[in-house]
């Protein structure tokens, strides 16, 4: 009988695992950790680079250029997918793309060391890198697991991402002061070589019951120029997800513009701008390092302790509604108090929930779709449509600030309206997700296969009982059960009975010279909250 390893016992503190899943969960956690750690090293230095060379408006305009580049990248990626889709190596798209970006990063480090003006180019490149690599990593993850196992393991993998972001944001300022911007780029490039090497070995460790459905080979065909976009348009479900991403990113980019504007105003008020450029650069670096550290710390705590429990209680669909409601409340508060402290509070709350609960739920939305939709459709949504929100925001920033003269409170009002739209879209996605899951996957309760026999033990002697693995069976592929034991008519066991729920093992040690009978109820509960129950009697006497 397969038992939990020490690593799996630790990971089970945060989500529900099946024996054997630790061998794949741990390397995927490491991959996601390193990617986000390296990205946040780069993210912290990109802010002072772009703001020191221009303004918050230049930052928004540079972001908009990313979407134009992605319009070219999407059809190229669809063509690349056609070339590798039937090869028995799920990591190829992710690993090859990551290696390409590593070479780019080394080139940027050399250019910066030579004194070339790369701030705008680096800002654009990092925006493309972040959306492409994260989209491909999570497409790779959805290709490894089925719906039930992915829904359980994704919060754990995302928690490792949040930890990487937390530590990356926390160390970035310290590292930048010692090795400079080009040194940070070099360190990030070297770190990214680790997930590039490791991803080729992950697939072999996925247990059979946790794997995604077998591949269906299809003939190699030339990808149409608009193939990635057509995959999204053909599916109402994917179209709604694309709309959700656009509106969400439009809100977030507007919020970041509000924050950046208030930061530069604060710098002027403190007289930082009138000092040397490096002083202004240092001020902005320290502010964003602290801001990102607080955001990622809260995101990590939410991811580690709440996301799996939220999925367990209200499901993926309910998790999608949390952020829109929070945005409506927070931006309403900011409209009343439009100052830097309030803006930082709102953006910290918004981004921490977005990076943890909402992002994990959004990745899990792709578990019940086809393989082509996971790779090409998800890539199109998470790259091009993700940046469309930035394009709209860039145009809106220009029109609202330069032409109309809209102030900070006006931007806040726009975000309140957009958050209301986001809530409506999330409700529509939930409806389609329920239909997709119902049409592809069953959701059956565990059943009792082997009822427990009564157990006689001597008093004053330590005795053990291990439940057979076939006592309960869950016929849903990839589902996992948690076990609980109770005394009859009570919510707890007496002190002389211990139950190891992971290994389904009882330990009995009745007091010496005591006698009696104890009826114990054993409950098996799957990840959806469906239960089965059996009971047995423990008789103890001297």
Foldseek 3Di string as FASTA:
>chain_A
DAFADPQRVVLVVFFFDDRLQSLQLVVLLVLLLLLLLLLLLLVLLLVLLQPLVHALLSLLVLLLVLLVVVLQVLLVLLQVCLVCVPPPFLCVSLLVVLVVVLVVLLVVLVCVVVVHSCSSVSSSSSLQVVLQNVLSSLLSVLQFFFLAQLLGSLLVSLLSNLVSLLVSLQCSLVVCVPQNSSVSSNVSSVSSVVSSVPSRPNNVSRDPLTGHDDDDDDDRDGADSCNLVVVQVVDPLSVLLLVLLLLLLLLLSLLVSLLRVQQVVVCVVVVQVVDDSVSVSSSSSVVVSVLSNLLSVLLSVCSRHPQLVCCLPVNLLVLQLVLLVLLLVLLVVCLVPVHNVSSSVSSSVNSSSCSHSVVSSSSSLCNLDDSCCSRSNSSCSSRNSNSNSSSVNSVCCCCQCVPVNPDSSNSSVVSSVSSVVSNVSSNVSSVVSVVSCVVRWDDDFKEADDFDEAAEDEAQDKDKDFDDPRRIDDPTRNKGKWKDKDWPPGPHDPPQWDADRSRRMIIGHHHPQDWDKIKMKMWIAISNGHIDIHIYMYTYHD
